Amino acid sequence: MRIALAHHRTHHTPHSLLLLETNHGTYVLDTFTDKVKLWFQTPYNFEAREKSDRRWERFDQQRWRFADNF
């Protein structure tokens, strides 16, 4: 399990998430919902995530999607 930092596409608020990496994909555990979803099915733009070596991987924020193109 890894921590991720993200921003909600509609509300534009920052949020921390827990990622569960499996052979079937990366799932998101989110305190705002009881549903477990694959990371790309969530309403978030990911800013960074913790890697297995405990360093942080940053995502290209120029590729973010917003509510109007989600």
C-alpha atoms as a PDB file:
ATOM      1  CA  MET A   1       0.000   0.000   0.000  1.00  0.00           C
ATOM      2  CA  ARG A   2       1.171   3.507  -0.834  1.00  0.00           C
ATOM      3  CA  ILE A   3       0.057   7.055  -0.084  1.00  0.00           C
ATOM      4  CA  ALA A   4      -0.946   9.356  -2.947  1.00  0.00           C
ATOM      5  CA  LEU A   5      -1.644  13.078  -3.151  1.00  0.00           C
ATOM      6  CA  ALA A   6      -4.422  14.125  -5.502  1.00  0.00           C
ATOM      7  CA  HIS A   7      -6.796  16.989  -6.377  1.00  0.00           C
ATOM      8  CA  HIS A   8     -10.515  16.541  -6.933  1.00  0.00           C
ATOM      9  CA  ARG A   9     -11.426  17.436 -10.538  1.00  0.00           C
ATOM     10  CA  THR A  10     -14.677  19.209  -9.658  1.00  0.00           C
ATOM     11  CA  HIS A  11     -14.021  20.712  -6.233  1.00  0.00           C
ATOM     12  CA  HIS A  12     -10.329  21.480  -6.931  1.00  0.00           C
ATOM     13  CA  THR A  13      -9.406  20.460  -3.384  1.00  0.00           C
ATOM     14  CA  PRO A  14      -6.330  18.485  -2.354  1.00  0.00           C
ATOM     15  CA  HIS A  15      -6.826  15.036  -0.871  1.00  0.00           C
ATOM     16  CA  SER A  16      -4.690  12.124   0.365  1.00  0.00           C
ATOM     17  CA  LEU A  17      -5.518   8.608  -0.738  1.00  0.00           C
ATOM     18  CA  LEU A  18      -4.282   5.113  -0.072  1.00  0.00           C
ATOM     19  CA  LEU A  19      -3.310   3.087  -3.149  1.00  0.00           C
ATOM     20  CA  LEU A  20      -3.383  -0.680  -3.162  1.00  0.00           C
ATOM     21  CA  GLU A  21      -1.193  -2.086  -5.939  1.00  0.00           C
ATOM     22  CA  THR A  22      -2.198  -5.560  -7.162  1.00  0.00           C
ATOM     23  CA  ASN A  23      -1.631  -7.788 -10.197  1.00  0.00           C
ATOM     24  CA  HIS A  24      -5.044  -6.603 -11.431  1.00  0.00           C
ATOM     25  CA  GLY A  25      -4.317  -2.871 -11.192  1.00  0.00           C
ATOM     26  CA  THR A  26      -3.961  -0.038  -8.699  1.00  0.00           C
ATOM     27  CA  TYR A  27      -7.004   0.429  -6.479  1.00  0.00           C
ATOM     28  CA  VAL A  28      -7.871   3.532  -4.457  1.00  0.00           C
ATOM     29  CA  LEU A  29      -9.071   3.444  -0.861  1.00  0.00           C
ATOM     30  CA  ASP A  30     -10.774   6.788  -0.255  1.00  0.00           C
ATOM     31  CA  THR A  31     -12.316   8.144   2.964  1.00  0.00           C
ATOM     32  CA  PHE A  32     -14.974   9.971   0.922  1.00  0.00           C
ATOM     33  CA  THR A  33     -16.582   6.764  -0.400  1.00  0.00           C
ATOM     34  CA  ASP A  34     -17.146   3.136   0.546  1.00  0.00           C
ATOM     35  CA  LYS A  35     -16.453   2.023  -3.040  1.00  0.00           C
ATOM     36  CA  VAL A  36     -13.047   0.712  -4.059  1.00  0.00           C
ATOM     37  CA  LYS A  37     -12.150   1.775  -7.604  1.00  0.00           C
ATOM     38  CA  LEU A  38      -9.234   1.553  -9.957  1.00  0.00           C
ATOM     39  CA  TRP A  39      -7.171   4.757  -9.827  1.00  0.00           C
ATOM     40  CA  PHE A  40      -8.268   5.968 -13.293  1.00  0.00           C
ATOM     41  CA  GLN A  41     -11.973   5.563 -12.370  1.00  0.00           C
ATOM     42  CA  THR A  42     -11.770   8.136  -9.567  1.00  0.00           C
ATOM     43  CA  PRO A  43     -12.556  11.875  -9.819  1.00  0.00           C
ATOM     44  CA  TYR A  44      -8.961  12.824  -8.973  1.00  0.00           C
ATOM     45  CA  ASN A  45      -5.912  14.212 -10.705  1.00  0.00           C
ATOM     46  CA  PHE A  46      -2.886  12.624  -9.099  1.00  0.00           C
ATOM     47  CA  GLU A  47      -0.051  14.931  -8.060  1.00  0.00           C
ATOM     48  CA  ALA A  48       2.359  12.417  -6.513  1.00  0.00           C
ATOM     49  CA  ARG A  49       2.575   8.955  -5.024  1.00  0.00           C
ATOM     50  CA  GLU A  50       4.946   7.164  -2.737  1.00  0.00           C
ATOM     51  CA  LYS A  51       7.145   4.559  -4.460  1.00  0.00           C
ATOM     52  CA  SER A  52       8.359   1.265  -3.026  1.00  0.00           C
ATOM     53  CA  ASP A  53      11.753   2.833  -2.214  1.00  0.00           C
ATOM     54  CA  ARG A  54       9.899   5.477  -0.121  1.00  0.00           C
ATOM     55  CA  ARG A  55      10.694   8.268  -2.567  1.00  0.00           C
ATOM     56  CA  TRP A  56       7.950  10.247  -4.262  1.00  0.00           C
ATOM     57  CA  GLU A  57       6.967  10.023  -7.915  1.00  0.00           C
ATOM     58  CA  ARG A  58       5.405  13.196  -9.315  1.00  0.00           C
ATOM     59  CA  PHE A  59       2.885  13.219 -12.152  1.00  0.00           C
ATOM     60  CA  ASP A  60       2.805  15.667 -15.059  1.00  0.00           C
ATOM     61  CA  GLN A  61       0.174  18.209 -14.052  1.00  0.00           C
ATOM     62  CA  GLN A  62      -0.139  19.491 -17.618  1.00  0.00           C
ATOM     63  CA  ARG A  63      -1.974  16.236 -18.380  1.00  0.00           C
ATOM     64  CA  TRP A  64      -4.620  16.775 -15.695  1.00  0.00           C
ATOM     65  CA  ARG A  65      -8.263  16.444 -16.646  1.00  0.00           C
ATOM     66  CA  PHE A  66     -11.015  18.616 -15.200  1.00  0.00           C
ATOM     67  CA  ALA A  67     -14.717  18.064 -14.602  1.00  0.00           C
ATOM     68  CA  ASP A  68     -15.694  19.415 -18.022  1.00  0.00           C
ATOM     69  CA  ASN A  69     -13.549  16.813 -19.833  1.00  0.00           C
ATOM     70  CA  PHE A  70     -13.829  13.880 -17.406  1.00  0.00           C
END
